[in-house]
Amino acid sequence: MAKVKTSYQCSECGWQSSKWLGQCRNCKAWGTLEETVPLETANTQPGKIAGKTPLTKALPIREVDIADARFIPTGIGELDRVLGGGLVAGSVVLLAGEPGVGKSTLLLDVAGKVGSFWKNKSVLYITGEESAAQVRLRAQRIDALADNLLLAAETELENVLGHIDQCSPALVIVDSVQTIASAQVSGQAGNVTQVRAVCQALIEVAKSRGIPILLVGHVTKSGGIAGPRVLEHLVDVVTQFEGDRHTRLRLLRAVKNRYGATDEVGCFELVERGIIGLEDPSGLFLSQTSSRVPGTCVTVTLEGRRPMPTEIQALVSPLVSGGSARRTTSGLEYSRVAMTLAVLQSRLRLALSNCDVYVSTVGGAKTSEPAVDLAVALAITSAAQSRPPLEKMVAIGEVSLTGEIRATVGCGRRLSEAARLGFSHALIPRIGAEEVSAPKGMTLHPVTNLAEAVMTALPAEGTTSR
């Protein structure tokens, strides 16, 4: 008898190997390879597959009813923005994010709001990580108590499907998919086989009954969605809930969306009573002082298609004792800030080698796009020379290694948002400036290089150089 070969599968990403390894070669996780069902070794030829009579008849495309594809509002505008307008009947949405970012709180708020305006329909919330009493306390805190919101603490797939049969809900929320397991599938809850089986069973229920299902998913140490990659391919929508647990800002992004675009971003604020949507998040990213302060400059970034005002703050401090100068960033890409410092020292002869430089964004905003280079350069120069920038000014542009200010995408959209917030001056790249129209009440200052930008943005009168 031929010896049966054994295969090993990564519990994080689903990668398979014919032998055990300490580290997965796909996701680089350690100690995640587990022995699985032996690989098929027989080289059999598939037989001829015969067709059968389909259960439904193919219809002309004009006769297909589009009622099942209409969006159902969730009551949270920022979530509807990311989903493309709301939930679709029979859709399966995966919400992933780091522990403690607020996934459960957001979906419990969705359950409460949907249960409030769907008077004759029930919402089923399955919790596999917490007890029903713990979820009840959170619902009371965020005012998500609804009469037709049903709560069940279950970790067995068969019981979950039984609750759906018994309640016939209009919406199902499972928190989380990694905690649900089936007795008919080998392995512990959360491994590749169990996650795939649970997801396939829930998708079958959603499609056959037209019930939208929201799934909570864990993430790996590297920030990727835990479980097999096939999980992301099976569901209809994959969203990522991001945010630093030390700040109030939360961002919701669509990684995959079969019903809408993937370049929309939803903004939320974490408060004591839960998570609230922010239609205008500019107050989180801009300082409240109205005076001109050296070392600050405002820019407008693009999160998908959404313009986000972001204030850059810089501090330049001379070295008191010997040692190497420090370069510290927060919310910005370190390599781009280091490149901007090199350009300032080389092209503008700005003496920064004997100074500690600290550059940060306001409100925990994070950005890495090149359009913030000009604002970073002006904030650092303003801090080094104690020259405050123009009042109500924004700066948009990429700084090249030659000191040239290069054009960026979406300049018109950025300027419109800045004008709406009351900014009256804007530094933009001269290249492509003729294609940009100035919003009402705003003066555009096209600049060619970094030296011209500094002369325009940092008036020298009444100031002293450091």
Protein backbone atom coordinates (compact mmCIF):
# COMPACT_ATOMS: atom_id res chain seq x y z
CA MET A 1 0.00 0.00 0.00
CA ALA A 2 1.35 3.43 -0.96
CA LYS A 3 2.25 5.70 1.90
CA VAL A 4 -0.26 8.53 2.36
CA LYS A 5 1.30 11.96 2.25
CA THR A 6 0.52 14.51 4.95
CA SER A 7 -0.10 18.21 4.27
CA TYR A 8 0.12 21.19 6.58
CA GLN A 9 -2.00 24.34 6.35
CA CYS A 10 -1.48 27.79 7.86
CA SER A 11 -4.31 28.74 10.21
CA GLU A 12 -3.80 32.43 9.44
CA CYS A 13 -3.80 32.61 5.63
CA GLY A 14 -4.56 29.07 4.40
CA TRP A 15 -1.18 28.46 2.69
CA GLN A 16 -0.35 24.76 2.34
CA SER A 17 2.94 22.89 2.54
CA SER A 18 3.87 19.26 2.13
CA LYS A 19 6.04 19.40 5.27
CA TRP A 20 5.87 21.18 8.58
CA LEU A 21 7.65 24.54 8.82
CA GLY A 22 8.10 26.82 11.79
CA GLN A 23 7.12 29.89 9.78
CA CYS A 24 4.50 30.29 7.08
CA ARG A 25 6.18 31.37 3.85
CA ASN A 26 3.13 33.34 2.76
CA CYS A 27 2.06 35.46 5.76
CA LYS A 28 5.33 35.02 7.74
CA ALA A 29 3.45 33.96 10.90
CA TRP A 30 5.24 31.61 13.31
CA GLY A 31 3.83 28.32 14.59
CA THR A 32 0.63 28.44 12.53
CA LEU A 33 1.07 25.36 10.30
CA GLU A 34 -1.31 22.57 11.33
CA GLU A 35 -1.72 19.06 9.98
CA THR A 36 -4.75 18.72 7.71
CA VAL A 37 -6.55 16.05 5.73
CA PRO A 38 -4.07 14.04 3.59
CA LEU A 39 -3.59 15.24 0.07
CA GLU A 40 -5.16 13.21 -2.73
CA THR A 41 -2.49 11.10 -4.37
CA ALA A 42 -4.55 9.21 -6.93
CA ASN A 43 -4.32 10.52 -10.48
CA THR A 44 -7.90 9.91 -11.56
CA GLN A 45 -9.50 11.22 -14.72
CA PRO A 46 -12.84 13.00 -14.20
CA GLY A 47 -15.79 11.44 -15.92
CA LYS A 48 -18.18 13.17 -18.27
CA ILE A 49 -20.43 15.61 -16.44
CA ALA A 50 -24.06 15.53 -17.53
CA GLY A 51 -26.32 18.55 -17.39
CA LYS A 52 -29.69 18.74 -15.64
CA THR A 53 -32.83 20.82 -15.83
CA PRO A 54 -32.28 24.16 -14.00
CA LEU A 55 -34.67 25.16 -11.23
CA THR A 56 -35.09 28.70 -12.60
CA LYS A 57 -35.52 29.88 -16.16
CA ALA A 58 -33.12 32.34 -17.78
CA LEU A 59 -34.89 35.68 -18.34
CA PRO A 60 -34.21 38.55 -20.71
CA ILE A 61 -32.19 41.13 -18.85
CA ARG A 62 -34.93 43.78 -19.15
CA GLU A 63 -37.35 41.48 -17.31
CA VAL A 64 -35.09 40.92 -14.29
CA ASP A 65 -36.60 42.45 -11.14
CA ILE A 66 -34.18 44.94 -9.58
CA ALA A 67 -36.11 45.25 -6.30
CA ASP A 68 -33.79 42.76 -4.60
CA ALA A 69 -30.75 44.90 -5.45
CA ARG A 70 -32.03 48.12 -3.90
CA PHE A 71 -30.13 49.58 -0.96
CA ILE A 72 -31.59 49.45 2.55
CA PRO A 73 -30.38 52.39 4.71
CA THR A 74 -28.79 51.42 8.01
CA GLY A 75 -29.49 54.72 9.73
CA ILE A 76 -25.77 55.58 9.90
CA GLY A 77 -24.86 57.89 7.04
CA GLU A 78 -21.12 57.26 7.10
CA LEU A 79 -21.63 53.49 6.92
CA ASP A 80 -24.08 53.89 4.05
CA ARG A 81 -21.53 56.06 2.25
CA VAL A 82 -18.93 53.27 2.36
CA LEU A 83 -21.39 50.51 1.44
CA GLY A 84 -22.61 52.49 -1.57
CA GLY A 85 -26.01 53.49 -0.17
CA GLY A 86 -26.82 50.88 2.44
CA LEU A 87 -27.31 47.13 2.75
CA VAL A 88 -28.50 44.94 -0.10
CA ALA A 89 -30.85 42.02 0.53
CA GLY A 90 -28.87 38.77 0.55
CA SER A 91 -25.49 40.49 0.84
CA VAL A 92 -22.74 39.37 3.19
CA VAL A 93 -20.51 42.12 4.59
CA LEU A 94 -17.24 41.41 6.41
CA LEU A 95 -16.08 44.08 8.88
CA ALA A 96 -12.45 43.61 9.94
CA GLY A 97 -10.33 45.57 12.37
CA GLU A 98 -7.93 45.39 15.27
CA PRO A 99 -9.18 44.44 18.75
CA GLY A 100 -10.66 47.39 20.61
CA VAL A 101 -11.12 49.63 17.57
CA GLY A 102 -14.92 49.59 17.97
CA LYS A 103 -16.26 46.97 15.54
CA SER A 104 -18.78 45.51 17.99
CA THR A 105 -19.92 48.95 19.13
CA LEU A 106 -20.51 50.10 15.55
CA LEU A 107 -22.51 47.02 14.57
CA LEU A 108 -24.53 47.08 17.78
CA ASP A 109 -25.43 50.68 16.96
CA VAL A 110 -26.45 49.53 13.47
CA ALA A 111 -28.62 46.79 15.00
CA GLY A 112 -30.31 49.28 17.32
CA LYS A 113 -31.04 51.82 14.58
CA VAL A 114 -32.27 49.21 12.08
CA GLY A 115 -34.44 47.66 14.76
CA SER A 116 -35.93 51.06 15.58
CA PHE A 117 -37.26 51.92 12.12
CA TRP A 118 -38.03 48.35 10.98
CA LYS A 119 -41.01 48.05 13.29
CA ASN A 120 -42.39 44.78 11.93
CA LYS A 121 -39.04 43.05 11.37
CA SER A 122 -36.53 41.64 13.83
CA VAL A 123 -32.74 41.97 13.95
CA LEU A 124 -30.71 39.01 15.22
CA TYR A 125 -27.37 39.74 16.93
CA ILE A 126 -25.18 36.66 17.52
CA THR A 127 -22.35 37.20 19.99
CA GLY A 128 -19.65 34.56 20.28
CA GLU A 129 -17.03 36.54 22.20
CA GLU A 130 -19.10 38.11 24.98
CA SER A 131 -22.01 37.08 27.10
CA ALA A 132 -25.49 38.37 26.39
CA ALA A 133 -25.39 40.45 29.58
CA GLN A 134 -22.21 42.24 28.47
CA VAL A 135 -23.73 43.12 25.11
CA ARG A 136 -26.90 44.29 26.87
CA LEU A 137 -24.88 46.71 29.02
CA ARG A 138 -23.12 48.14 25.95
CA ALA A 139 -26.43 48.53 24.14
CA GLN A 140 -27.81 50.45 27.09
CA ARG A 141 -24.75 52.72 27.16
CA ILE A 142 -24.96 53.62 23.46
CA ASP A 143 -28.78 53.79 23.45
CA ALA A 144 -29.20 50.81 21.11
CA LEU A 145 -32.04 49.07 22.95
CA ALA A 146 -34.80 48.19 20.50
CA ASP A 147 -37.85 46.01 21.14
CA ASN A 148 -37.26 43.86 18.06
CA LEU A 149 -33.49 43.46 18.54
CA LEU A 150 -32.91 39.82 19.43
CA LEU A 151 -29.69 38.77 21.16
CA ALA A 152 -28.18 35.28 21.39
CA ALA A 153 -24.82 34.10 22.73
CA GLU A 154 -23.83 31.14 20.55
CA THR A 155 -20.62 29.55 19.29
CA GLU A 156 -22.06 26.55 17.39
CA LEU A 157 -23.02 27.01 13.75
CA GLU A 158 -25.96 24.63 13.99
CA ASN A 159 -27.49 26.72 16.81
CA VAL A 160 -26.94 29.93 14.86
CA LEU A 161 -28.75 28.51 11.85
CA GLY A 162 -31.52 27.32 14.19
CA HIS A 163 -31.96 30.86 15.55
CA ILE A 164 -32.25 32.19 12.00
CA ASP A 165 -34.91 29.55 11.18
CA GLN A 166 -36.84 30.37 14.34
CA CYS A 167 -36.70 34.18 14.18
CA SER A 168 -36.72 34.83 10.40
CA PRO A 169 -34.85 38.13 10.96
CA ALA A 170 -34.45 40.92 8.44
CA LEU A 171 -30.79 41.42 9.44
CA VAL A 172 -28.22 39.10 11.06
CA ILE A 173 -25.00 40.23 12.78
CA VAL A 174 -22.37 37.64 13.76
CA ASP A 175 -19.65 38.77 16.16
CA SER A 176 -17.35 37.19 15.24
CA VAL A 177 -17.01 34.63 12.45
CA GLN A 178 -13.82 33.22 14.02
CA THR A 179 -15.67 32.19 17.20
CA ILE A 180 -18.33 30.10 15.43
CA ALA A 181 -17.61 26.40 14.78
CA SER A 182 -19.50 23.44 13.37
CA ALA A 183 -19.55 20.01 14.98
CA GLN A 184 -19.55 18.45 11.51
CA VAL A 185 -16.21 20.01 10.57
CA SER A 186 -12.89 18.97 12.07
CA GLY A 187 -10.67 21.47 13.83
CA GLN A 188 -11.10 24.18 16.42
CA ALA A 189 -13.03 27.40 15.96
CA GLY A 190 -11.06 29.97 14.03
CA ASN A 191 -8.94 27.64 11.90
CA VAL A 192 -9.05 27.71 8.11
CA THR A 193 -11.46 24.81 7.66
CA GLN A 194 -13.95 26.04 10.26
CA VAL A 195 -13.95 29.65 9.05
CA ARG A 196 -14.54 28.56 5.45
CA ALA A 197 -17.37 26.20 6.43
CA VAL A 198 -19.08 28.77 8.67
CA CYS A 199 -18.85 31.48 6.04
CA GLN A 200 -20.19 29.25 3.28
CA ALA A 201 -23.16 28.18 5.43
CA LEU A 202 -24.06 31.78 6.30
CA ILE A 203 -23.69 32.91 2.69
CA GLU A 204 -26.06 30.14 1.57
CA VAL A 205 -28.64 31.33 4.11
CA ALA A 206 -28.22 34.97 3.06
CA LYS A 207 -28.62 34.25 -0.66
CA SER A 208 -31.51 31.79 -0.34
CA ARG A 209 -33.57 33.95 2.03
CA GLY A 210 -32.51 37.44 1.01
CA ILE A 211 -31.20 38.29 4.49
CA PRO A 212 -28.25 40.72 4.75
CA ILE A 213 -25.59 39.39 7.12
CA LEU A 214 -22.82 41.40 8.79
CA LEU A 215 -19.75 39.44 9.91
CA VAL A 216 -17.04 40.65 12.27
CA GLY A 217 -13.56 39.41 11.36
CA HIS A 218 -10.27 39.41 13.25
CA VAL A 219 -6.98 40.69 11.86
CA THR A 220 -3.49 39.20 12.03
CA LYS A 221 -0.46 40.80 13.68
CA SER A 222 0.51 42.33 10.33
CA GLY A 223 -2.90 44.01 9.99
CA GLY A 224 -4.35 41.64 7.36
CA ILE A 225 -7.73 39.95 7.67
CA ALA A 226 -7.39 36.66 9.55
CA GLY A 227 -8.50 33.40 8.00
CA PRO A 228 -8.17 32.05 4.47
CA ARG A 229 -8.06 34.44 1.53
CA VAL A 230 -11.05 32.63 0.11
CA LEU A 231 -13.11 34.24 2.90
CA GLU A 232 -12.61 37.65 1.28
CA HIS A 233 -13.55 36.22 -2.12
CA LEU A 234 -16.74 34.61 -0.85
CA VAL A 235 -18.31 37.67 0.80
CA ASP A 236 -19.80 40.56 -1.16
CA VAL A 237 -18.26 43.47 0.75
CA VAL A 238 -15.02 43.65 2.73
CA THR A 239 -14.54 46.70 4.97
CA GLN A 240 -11.68 47.70 7.23
CA PHE A 241 -12.25 49.65 10.45
CA GLU A 242 -9.10 51.60 11.32
CA GLY A 243 -8.02 53.90 14.10
CA ASP A 244 -5.59 54.45 16.92
CA ARG A 245 -7.08 53.41 20.24
CA HIS A 246 -5.49 56.51 21.82
CA THR A 247 -7.44 58.91 19.57
CA ARG A 248 -11.13 59.45 18.90
CA LEU A 249 -10.94 59.20 15.11
CA ARG A 250 -12.06 56.01 13.33
CA LEU A 251 -12.02 55.45 9.56
CA LEU A 252 -14.04 52.85 7.68
CA ARG A 253 -12.75 51.83 4.24
CA ALA A 254 -14.18 49.46 1.66
CA VAL A 255 -11.54 47.02 0.40
CA LYS A 256 -14.01 45.18 -1.83
CA ASN A 257 -17.56 46.15 -2.77
CA ARG A 258 -19.72 44.38 -5.34
CA TYR A 259 -22.44 47.02 -5.00
CA GLY A 260 -20.48 50.26 -5.05
CA ALA A 261 -17.14 52.02 -5.21
CA THR A 262 -14.15 51.22 -3.02
CA ASP A 263 -12.77 54.76 -2.82
CA GLU A 264 -15.21 56.08 -0.23
CA VAL A 265 -14.16 56.58 3.40
CA GLY A 266 -16.45 56.91 6.41
CA CYS A 267 -15.37 58.99 9.41
CA PHE A 268 -16.45 58.19 12.95
CA GLU A 269 -15.72 59.60 16.38
CA LEU A 270 -15.43 57.41 19.46
CA VAL A 271 -17.22 59.04 22.39
CA GLU A 272 -18.56 57.87 25.75
CA ARG A 273 -21.98 57.03 24.34
CA GLY A 274 -20.57 54.99 21.46
CA ILE A 275 -19.45 55.72 17.91
CA ILE A 276 -21.02 58.56 15.96
CA GLY A 277 -20.62 59.37 12.27
CA LEU A 278 -18.89 62.59 11.26
CA GLU A 279 -20.16 64.22 8.10
CA ASP A 280 -17.64 67.03 8.61
CA PRO A 281 -14.52 65.72 10.45
CA SER A 282 -12.48 68.90 9.87
CA GLY A 283 -12.73 69.91 13.53
CA LEU A 284 -10.65 66.89 14.56
CA PHE A 285 -7.72 67.71 12.29
CA LEU A 286 -7.41 71.47 12.73
CA SER A 287 -6.26 73.35 15.82
CA GLN A 288 -8.73 75.75 17.38
CA THR A 289 -6.37 78.71 17.73
CA SER A 290 -7.04 81.63 15.37
CA SER A 291 -3.64 83.35 15.74
CA ARG A 292 -0.73 82.86 13.37
CA VAL A 293 1.72 80.47 15.01
CA PRO A 294 5.13 79.57 13.56
CA GLY A 295 5.58 75.92 12.68
CA THR A 296 2.08 75.21 11.37
CA CYS A 297 0.67 74.72 7.89
CA VAL A 298 -2.64 73.28 6.68
CA THR A 299 -3.05 70.99 3.70
CA VAL A 300 -5.92 68.96 2.24
CA THR A 301 -5.44 65.23 1.72
CA LEU A 302 -7.63 62.81 -0.20
CA GLU A 303 -8.99 59.73 1.55
CA GLY A 304 -10.44 57.93 -1.45
CA ARG A 305 -12.58 60.62 -3.06
CA ARG A 306 -13.10 62.50 0.20
CA PRO A 307 -11.03 65.64 0.88
CA MET A 308 -9.75 65.83 4.46
CA PRO A 309 -8.15 69.01 5.87
CA THR A 310 -5.03 68.18 7.84
CA GLU A 311 -2.85 70.50 9.89
CA ILE A 312 0.89 69.85 9.98
CA GLN A 313 2.82 71.04 13.02
CA ALA A 314 6.61 71.19 13.27
CA LEU A 315 9.03 71.98 16.08
CA VAL A 316 12.72 72.73 15.48
CA SER A 317 14.85 72.76 18.62
CA PRO A 318 18.65 73.37 18.69
CA LEU A 319 20.74 70.66 20.31
CA VAL A 320 21.61 71.54 23.91
CA SER A 321 24.32 68.92 24.30
CA GLY A 322 26.33 66.75 21.96
CA GLY A 323 24.97 63.80 20.06
CA SER A 324 23.07 63.21 16.86
CA ALA A 325 19.96 65.21 16.01
CA ARG A 326 16.59 63.51 16.43
CA ARG A 327 13.98 63.19 13.68
CA THR A 328 10.55 62.23 15.02
CA THR A 329 7.27 62.01 13.10
CA SER A 330 3.70 61.22 14.08
CA GLY A 331 0.97 60.59 11.53
CA LEU A 332 3.35 61.09 8.59
CA GLU A 333 5.56 58.76 6.62
CA TYR A 334 9.06 59.03 8.09
CA SER A 335 10.88 58.51 4.78
CA ARG A 336 9.04 61.36 3.06
CA VAL A 337 9.70 63.74 5.96
CA ALA A 338 13.39 62.77 5.90
CA MET A 339 13.51 63.45 2.16
CA THR A 340 11.88 66.86 2.65
CA LEU A 341 14.44 67.76 5.32
CA ALA A 342 17.25 66.83 2.94
CA VAL A 343 15.76 69.05 0.22
CA LEU A 344 15.43 71.98 2.65
CA GLN A 345 19.05 71.67 3.71
CA SER A 346 20.39 71.25 0.19
CA ARG A 347 18.23 73.66 -1.85
CA LEU A 348 17.40 76.36 0.72
CA ARG A 349 20.55 76.06 2.85
CA LEU A 350 18.38 75.67 5.94
CA ALA A 351 20.60 74.76 8.90
CA LEU A 352 18.92 71.71 10.44
CA SER A 353 21.83 69.36 11.05
CA ASN A 354 22.30 70.60 14.64
CA CYS A 355 18.59 70.71 15.47
CA ASP A 356 16.03 68.21 16.65
CA VAL A 357 13.04 68.19 14.29
CA TYR A 358 9.58 66.98 15.31
CA VAL A 359 6.75 66.82 12.75
CA SER A 360 3.21 65.74 13.57
CA THR A 361 -0.38 65.91 12.40
CA VAL A 362 -3.24 67.21 14.55
CA GLY A 363 -5.96 64.93 15.89
CA GLY A 364 -4.29 61.63 15.07
CA ALA A 365 -4.70 61.99 11.31
CA LYS A 366 -2.48 59.69 9.23
CA THR A 367 -1.36 60.44 5.71
CA SER A 368 1.40 59.31 3.40
CA GLU A 369 0.48 60.86 0.06
CA PRO A 370 3.01 63.16 -1.68
CA ALA A 371 0.57 66.10 -1.73
CA VAL A 372 1.47 66.94 1.88
CA ASP A 373 5.18 67.50 1.09
CA LEU A 374 4.79 71.25 0.55
CA ALA A 375 2.89 71.74 3.82
CA VAL A 376 5.55 69.74 5.70
CA ALA A 377 8.36 71.82 4.16
CA LEU A 378 6.64 75.12 4.99
CA ALA A 379 5.86 74.04 8.57
CA ILE A 380 9.50 73.06 9.18
CA THR A 381 10.84 76.27 7.60
CA SER A 382 8.34 78.35 9.58
CA ALA A 383 9.43 76.70 12.83
CA ALA A 384 13.14 77.04 12.05
CA GLN A 385 12.91 80.74 11.15
CA SER A 386 10.08 81.73 13.57
CA ARG A 387 8.06 83.12 10.67
CA PRO A 388 4.32 82.41 10.86
CA PRO A 389 2.63 81.54 7.56
CA LEU A 390 -0.05 83.54 5.80
CA GLU A 391 -3.36 83.67 7.60
CA LYS A 392 -5.98 81.16 6.39
CA MET A 393 -3.59 79.46 3.96
CA VAL A 394 -3.42 75.90 2.68
CA ALA A 395 -0.51 74.35 0.77
CA ILE A 396 -0.90 71.50 -1.73
CA GLY A 397 1.92 69.96 -3.75
CA GLU A 398 4.64 67.35 -4.00
CA VAL A 399 8.26 68.39 -3.43
CA SER A 400 10.80 66.73 -5.72
CA LEU A 401 14.48 66.22 -4.92
CA THR A 402 15.32 69.23 -7.09
CA GLY A 403 13.05 71.48 -5.03
CA GLU A 404 10.40 71.63 -7.76
CA ILE A 405 6.73 71.69 -6.74
CA ARG A 406 4.96 68.97 -8.68
CA ALA A 407 1.24 68.67 -9.42
CA THR A 408 -1.06 66.29 -7.54
CA VAL A 409 -4.39 64.68 -8.33
CA GLY A 410 -7.73 66.12 -7.24
CA CYS A 411 -6.49 69.68 -6.77
CA GLY A 412 -9.89 71.21 -7.55
CA ARG A 413 -11.65 68.99 -5.04
CA ARG A 414 -9.11 69.89 -2.35
CA LEU A 415 -9.47 73.63 -3.01
CA SER A 416 -13.28 73.47 -2.85
CA GLU A 417 -13.10 71.84 0.58
CA ALA A 418 -10.57 74.41 1.81
CA ALA A 419 -12.76 77.27 0.58
CA ARG A 420 -15.78 75.76 2.35
CA LEU A 421 -13.83 75.81 5.62
CA GLY A 422 -12.96 79.50 5.19
CA PHE A 423 -9.40 79.40 3.83
CA SER A 424 -8.65 82.37 1.58
CA HIS A 425 -5.11 81.59 0.28
CA ALA A 426 -3.82 78.44 -1.42
CA LEU A 427 -0.34 77.53 -2.62
CA ILE A 428 -0.57 75.15 -5.56
CA PRO A 429 1.93 73.86 -8.17
CA ARG A 430 2.31 76.14 -11.18
CA ILE A 431 2.22 73.08 -13.43
CA GLY A 432 -1.45 72.50 -14.18
CA ALA A 433 -2.57 75.68 -12.37
CA GLU A 434 -4.23 76.97 -15.56
CA GLU A 435 -6.65 74.03 -15.39
CA VAL A 436 -7.74 74.87 -11.83
CA SER A 437 -10.36 77.54 -11.16
CA ALA A 438 -10.19 79.45 -7.89
CA PRO A 439 -13.20 78.92 -5.60
CA LYS A 440 -15.12 82.02 -4.57
CA GLY A 441 -13.25 84.03 -1.94
CA MET A 442 -9.93 82.20 -2.42
CA THR A 443 -6.70 83.54 -3.92
CA LEU A 444 -4.45 81.02 -5.66
CA HIS A 445 -0.65 81.36 -5.48
CA PRO A 446 0.97 79.12 -8.14
CA VAL A 447 4.59 78.35 -7.25
CA THR A 448 7.33 76.66 -9.24
CA ASN A 449 9.87 75.64 -6.64
CA LEU A 450 10.36 75.47 -2.89
CA ALA A 451 12.21 78.81 -2.64
CA GLU A 452 9.31 80.62 -4.31
CA ALA A 453 6.84 78.86 -2.03
CA VAL A 454 8.72 79.94 1.10
CA MET A 455 8.87 83.56 -0.06
CA THR A 456 5.13 83.55 -0.77
CA ALA A 457 3.87 81.66 2.27
CA LEU A 458 6.20 83.08 4.96
CA PRO A 459 6.20 86.89 4.92
CA ALA A 460 9.48 88.29 6.24
CA GLU A 461 8.25 91.62 7.57
CA GLY A 462 8.28 92.03 11.32
CA THR A 463 10.06 88.70 11.93
CA THR A 464 13.52 87.64 12.99
CA SER A 465 15.48 84.72 11.61
CA ARG A 466 16.89 82.05 13.83
